[in-house]
Amino acid sequence: MKLVIHHHTRFRYSQPLLYTVQSLHLWPVSSACQSVEHWELRVPGTLCSQPDIEGNRVHSFSLSARPEKNLRENSVTARGTVVTHGVAEFTDAPTLPPPGFYLRSTPLAEPYPRMAMWALQAEPGLMAARARGERPGAADLLALAGAVADKVQYRKGSTGVETTALESFDWGLGVCQDQAHVMVAVCRSIGLPARYVSGYFYAANEPDLASHAWVDVCVDPANRRWLSLDVTHRCPTDERHIRLAAATDYSACTPVKGLRRGGGEEDMSVDVRISLA
């Protein structure tokens, strides 16, 4: 599937902005899952590449202005064309972190023993695999994703970007970001390396679904083999999914993140549109 993406982020300020530096995870990478035919970033400054150990393309820019310029707006636009291949299972390159890197605790996806207990009770296939001394199969992990979706009911506006997996797990509410964090935390709790994936999801006439998040679970650490699962839609990823960045949790691959001086109160709006090429 060939998809055209337009992602616009606009910041408005109540007072003149004096200085800002922003880091961007807004450039998809070609892989077994997709081919990036064209991509561009437009920012109000000089775009610089940043190193990233997790295989993402990361950029940054800075913007400064004197008070008399009365700068009260800043925007970032990413757009391009990506061909998706519908691949859900793939092998990491040897240059990427080993799977064990994604077992460690992170602020938004911390493992807990009671999450492990819940997972083993919610999905009998996990318990059976453990009794046989085997790793869970794709069907077991897909069933676990469905159990997480049942546990954390999708409700827009019920959480924020700083909501942790445990909070969403206990509240039983969240959005795709929270469902992904809970899945990552649950997998880590039972010894499965897992990482958070940010990206886009194509659904005709449903623009609210365009910005999306899902998870990668390592099914074979020795061979760096991963399975990508969409908890919200209870399915392996397919040709509707466009990978933007993958990391330990959302805070490590936020699309736009930065610091500023001046500006007073900030208002951010995001518009993501996806269409067939």
Protein backbone atom coordinates (compact mmCIF):
# COMPACT_ATOMS: atom_id res chain seq x y z
CA MET A 1 0.00 0.00 0.00
CA LYS A 2 1.39 3.41 -0.98
CA LEU A 3 0.43 6.12 1.51
CA VAL A 4 0.94 9.88 1.61
CA ILE A 5 1.39 11.38 5.08
CA HIS A 6 1.14 15.00 6.17
CA HIS A 7 1.95 15.70 9.84
CA HIS A 8 1.75 19.31 11.02
CA THR A 9 2.48 20.45 14.59
CA ARG A 10 1.82 24.08 15.55
CA PHE A 11 2.77 25.85 18.77
CA ARG A 12 1.17 29.14 19.78
CA TYR A 13 2.39 31.28 22.67
CA SER A 14 0.68 33.89 24.84
CA GLN A 15 3.90 35.93 25.07
CA PRO A 16 6.88 36.44 22.73
CA LEU A 17 9.07 33.37 22.39
CA LEU A 18 12.74 34.07 23.06
CA TYR A 19 14.38 30.72 22.41
CA THR A 20 13.51 27.07 21.81
CA VAL A 21 15.38 23.88 20.96
CA GLN A 22 13.39 20.89 19.76
CA SER A 23 14.16 17.23 19.13
CA LEU A 24 12.16 15.39 16.45
CA HIS A 25 11.36 11.72 15.88
CA LEU A 26 9.55 12.47 12.65
CA TRP A 27 11.45 10.63 9.93
CA PRO A 28 10.46 7.02 9.12
CA VAL A 29 13.16 4.53 8.17
CA SER A 30 13.01 1.98 5.35
CA SER A 31 12.94 -1.60 6.63
CA ALA A 32 11.35 -4.98 6.02
CA CYS A 33 8.07 -3.35 7.04
CA GLN A 34 8.13 -0.36 4.67
CA SER A 35 9.97 1.57 1.98
CA VAL A 36 10.24 5.35 2.32
CA GLU A 37 9.98 6.80 -1.19
CA HIS A 38 10.13 10.46 -0.21
CA TRP A 39 10.25 12.37 3.06
CA GLU A 40 10.89 15.93 4.15
CA LEU A 41 10.86 18.02 7.30
CA ARG A 42 10.12 21.73 7.36
CA VAL A 43 11.15 23.68 10.45
CA PRO A 44 11.82 27.37 11.22
CA GLY A 45 15.54 26.79 11.67
CA THR A 46 18.53 24.72 10.58
CA LEU A 47 17.80 21.00 10.80
CA CYS A 48 20.55 18.87 12.37
CA SER A 49 20.82 15.08 12.57
CA GLN A 50 21.24 13.50 16.00
CA PRO A 51 22.75 10.10 16.83
CA ASP A 52 20.36 7.37 17.91
CA ILE A 53 21.29 3.86 19.03
CA GLU A 54 17.83 2.38 18.42
CA GLY A 55 17.79 2.77 14.64
CA ASN A 56 15.61 5.89 14.47
CA ARG A 57 16.32 9.01 12.41
CA VAL A 58 16.34 11.88 14.87
CA HIS A 59 16.71 15.60 14.15
CA SER A 60 16.87 18.81 16.12
CA PHE A 61 16.72 22.54 15.52
CA SER A 62 16.88 25.73 17.54
CA LEU A 63 15.05 29.00 17.14
CA SER A 64 15.81 32.34 18.79
CA ALA A 65 14.25 35.79 18.50
CA ARG A 66 14.52 39.16 20.16
CA PRO A 67 11.48 40.32 22.18
CA GLU A 68 10.70 43.10 19.68
CA LYS A 69 10.09 40.47 16.97
CA ASN A 70 7.04 39.31 18.94
CA LEU A 71 7.44 35.69 17.81
CA ARG A 72 4.30 33.86 18.98
CA GLU A 73 4.16 30.83 16.73
CA ASN A 74 6.36 27.90 15.79
CA SER A 75 5.49 24.99 13.52
CA VAL A 76 6.97 21.70 12.32
CA THR A 77 5.79 19.87 9.18
CA ALA A 78 6.69 16.32 8.17
CA ARG A 79 5.41 14.86 4.96
CA GLY A 80 6.19 12.18 2.43
CA THR A 81 5.26 8.92 0.74
CA VAL A 82 5.75 5.45 2.20
CA VAL A 83 5.05 2.03 0.70
CA THR A 84 4.03 -0.45 3.41
CA HIS A 85 4.71 -4.19 3.05
CA GLY A 86 2.34 -5.64 5.64
CA VAL A 87 5.18 -7.35 7.50
CA ALA A 88 4.59 -8.05 11.20
CA GLU A 89 7.53 -10.36 12.00
CA PHE A 90 11.09 -9.31 11.24
CA THR A 91 14.72 -9.56 12.33
CA ASP A 92 16.67 -6.66 13.82
CA ALA A 93 19.99 -5.66 12.31
CA PRO A 94 23.03 -6.66 14.42
CA THR A 95 23.87 -2.97 14.83
CA LEU A 96 20.74 -2.38 16.94
CA PRO A 97 20.62 -2.94 20.71
CA PRO A 98 20.32 -6.59 21.80
CA PRO A 99 16.82 -7.69 22.85
CA GLY A 100 17.83 -7.65 26.52
CA PHE A 101 18.08 -3.87 26.29
CA TYR A 102 14.27 -3.81 26.16
CA LEU A 103 13.80 -5.79 29.36
CA ARG A 104 14.91 -2.91 31.55
CA SER A 105 12.46 -0.76 33.46
CA THR A 106 11.59 2.66 32.05
CA PRO A 107 9.51 5.46 33.61
CA LEU A 108 6.39 4.91 31.49
CA ALA A 109 6.57 1.11 31.13
CA GLU A 110 7.87 -0.29 34.40
CA PRO A 111 7.37 -4.05 34.99
CA TYR A 112 5.53 -5.21 38.13
CA PRO A 113 5.01 -8.70 39.63
CA ARG A 114 1.24 -8.23 39.74
CA MET A 115 1.24 -7.47 36.02
CA ALA A 116 2.99 -10.81 35.49
CA MET A 117 0.42 -12.59 37.65
CA TRP A 118 -2.42 -10.95 35.76
CA ALA A 119 -0.95 -11.91 32.37
CA LEU A 120 -0.46 -15.56 33.29
CA GLN A 121 -4.05 -15.76 34.57
CA ALA A 122 -5.55 -13.82 31.66
CA GLU A 123 -3.84 -15.84 28.93
CA PRO A 124 -3.54 -19.60 29.71
CA GLY A 125 -1.27 -20.11 26.70
CA LEU A 126 1.47 -18.15 28.48
CA MET A 127 1.27 -20.44 31.50
CA ALA A 128 1.32 -23.53 29.28
CA ALA A 129 4.36 -22.30 27.38
CA ARG A 130 6.16 -21.56 30.64
CA ALA A 131 5.33 -25.06 31.97
CA ARG A 132 6.88 -26.56 28.82
CA GLY A 133 9.94 -24.35 29.16
CA GLU A 134 9.12 -22.62 25.86
CA ARG A 135 8.70 -19.03 24.78
CA PRO A 136 5.13 -17.90 23.93
CA GLY A 137 4.15 -18.19 20.29
CA ALA A 138 2.57 -15.56 18.06
CA ALA A 139 -0.95 -16.78 18.88
CA ASP A 140 -0.27 -16.50 22.63
CA LEU A 141 1.06 -12.95 22.27
CA LEU A 142 -1.85 -11.91 20.09
CA ALA A 143 -4.23 -13.26 22.72
CA LEU A 144 -2.30 -11.32 25.37
CA ALA A 145 -2.68 -8.13 23.31
CA GLY A 146 -6.43 -8.75 23.20
CA ALA A 147 -6.48 -9.24 26.97
CA VAL A 148 -4.65 -5.92 27.45
CA ALA A 149 -7.17 -4.20 25.16
CA ASP A 150 -9.97 -5.62 27.33
CA LYS A 151 -8.20 -4.58 30.52
CA VAL A 152 -7.40 -1.02 29.33
CA GLN A 153 -10.55 0.20 27.61
CA TYR A 154 -9.97 2.80 24.92
CA ARG A 155 -11.28 6.17 26.07
CA LYS A 156 -10.03 9.38 24.51
CA GLY A 157 -9.04 12.12 26.97
CA SER A 158 -8.82 9.77 29.96
CA THR A 159 -5.03 9.96 30.27
CA GLY A 160 -2.08 12.20 29.38
CA VAL A 161 1.36 11.79 27.82
CA GLU A 162 2.91 11.30 31.29
CA THR A 163 0.49 8.55 32.38
CA THR A 164 2.40 5.41 33.34
CA ALA A 165 1.57 1.85 32.37
CA LEU A 166 0.72 0.98 35.97
CA GLU A 167 -1.68 3.93 36.27
CA SER A 168 -3.49 2.99 33.08
CA PHE A 169 -3.49 -0.68 34.12
CA ASP A 170 -5.11 0.18 37.45
CA TRP A 171 -7.58 2.69 36.00
CA GLY A 172 -8.58 0.35 33.18
CA LEU A 173 -8.66 3.26 30.75
CA GLY A 174 -6.42 4.85 28.16
CA VAL A 175 -5.66 5.48 24.52
CA CYS A 176 -3.34 3.66 22.09
CA GLN A 177 -0.25 5.03 23.84
CA ASP A 178 -1.41 3.66 27.19
CA GLN A 179 -2.44 0.29 25.76
CA ALA A 180 0.99 0.00 24.15
CA HIS A 181 2.75 0.95 27.40
CA VAL A 182 0.75 -1.62 29.37
CA MET A 183 1.57 -4.33 26.81
CA VAL A 184 5.27 -3.43 26.99
CA ALA A 185 5.25 -3.43 30.80
CA VAL A 186 3.34 -6.73 30.97
CA CYS A 187 5.75 -8.40 28.54
CA ARG A 188 8.75 -7.16 30.51
CA SER A 189 7.10 -8.43 33.69
CA ILE A 190 7.07 -11.99 32.33
CA GLY A 191 10.58 -11.78 30.87
CA LEU A 192 9.80 -10.87 27.26
CA PRO A 193 11.74 -7.96 25.71
CA ALA A 194 9.29 -5.38 24.36
CA ARG A 195 9.46 -1.88 22.95
CA TYR A 196 7.10 0.96 22.16
CA VAL A 197 6.49 1.96 18.53
CA SER A 198 5.14 5.31 17.39
CA GLY A 199 3.73 5.72 13.92
CA TYR A 200 0.70 6.22 11.72
CA PHE A 201 -2.36 4.14 10.98
CA TYR A 202 -4.36 4.47 7.79
CA ALA A 203 -8.13 4.28 8.22
CA ALA A 204 -10.18 5.90 5.47
CA ASN A 205 -12.40 8.75 6.72
CA GLU A 206 -11.17 8.36 10.33
CA PRO A 207 -8.45 11.02 10.80
CA ASP A 208 -8.51 10.68 14.60
CA LEU A 209 -6.84 7.26 14.22
CA ALA A 210 -3.96 8.55 12.06
CA SER A 211 -1.46 9.11 14.89
CA HIS A 212 -0.94 5.72 16.50
CA ALA A 213 1.19 3.52 18.77
CA TRP A 214 1.81 -0.23 19.06
CA VAL A 215 4.47 -2.65 20.33
CA ASP A 216 7.26 -4.96 19.22
CA VAL A 217 7.70 -8.15 21.28
CA CYS A 218 10.84 -10.27 20.89
CA VAL A 219 9.82 -13.85 20.06
CA ASP A 220 13.37 -15.15 19.54
CA PRO A 221 16.10 -13.20 21.39
CA ALA A 222 18.92 -15.41 20.11
CA ASN A 223 18.05 -14.53 16.51
CA ARG A 224 16.79 -10.97 17.22
CA ARG A 225 13.34 -11.91 15.89
CA TRP A 226 10.44 -9.54 16.71
CA LEU A 227 6.66 -9.58 16.30
CA SER A 228 4.82 -6.27 15.92
CA LEU A 229 1.36 -6.13 17.52
CA ASP A 230 -1.33 -3.45 17.48
CA VAL A 231 -3.06 -3.73 20.86
CA THR A 232 -5.78 -1.21 20.04
CA HIS A 233 -6.90 -3.08 16.93
CA ARG A 234 -6.06 -6.53 18.36
CA CYS A 235 -3.99 -7.58 15.36
CA PRO A 236 -0.46 -7.96 14.04
CA THR A 237 0.65 -4.87 12.17
CA ASP A 238 -0.18 -4.86 8.46
CA GLU A 239 -0.08 -2.60 5.42
CA ARG A 240 -2.08 0.09 7.28
CA HIS A 241 0.77 0.73 9.71
CA ILE A 242 3.67 3.12 9.10
CA ARG A 243 6.56 2.92 11.59
CA LEU A 244 7.98 6.26 12.67
CA ALA A 245 10.21 5.38 15.63
CA ALA A 246 10.72 2.58 18.16
CA ALA A 247 12.17 2.95 21.66
CA THR A 248 11.91 1.86 25.29
CA ASP A 249 8.76 3.97 25.79
CA TYR A 250 7.01 7.09 24.50
CA SER A 251 9.32 9.51 26.31
CA ALA A 252 12.27 8.12 24.32
CA CYS A 253 10.67 8.68 20.89
CA THR A 254 8.30 11.63 21.31
CA PRO A 255 7.53 13.05 17.83
CA VAL A 256 8.25 16.64 18.95
CA LYS A 257 9.91 17.43 22.27
CA GLY A 258 11.78 20.52 23.41
CA LEU A 259 12.71 23.26 25.83
CA ARG A 260 12.00 26.97 25.58
CA ARG A 261 12.56 30.33 27.17
CA GLY A 262 9.78 32.89 27.08
CA GLY A 263 6.47 32.38 25.33
CA GLY A 264 4.23 32.36 28.41
CA GLU A 265 1.49 29.76 28.06
CA GLU A 266 1.81 27.29 25.20
CA ASP A 267 -0.93 25.80 23.04
CA MET A 268 -0.05 22.86 20.77
CA SER A 269 -2.20 21.51 17.95
CA VAL A 270 -1.44 18.48 15.78
CA ASP A 271 -2.95 17.64 12.41
CA VAL A 272 -2.14 14.28 10.79
CA ARG A 273 -3.60 13.31 7.45
CA ILE A 274 -3.04 10.08 5.50
CA SER A 275 -4.27 9.25 2.03
CA LEU A 276 -3.71 6.64 -0.64
CA ALA A 277 -1.20 7.69 -3.27
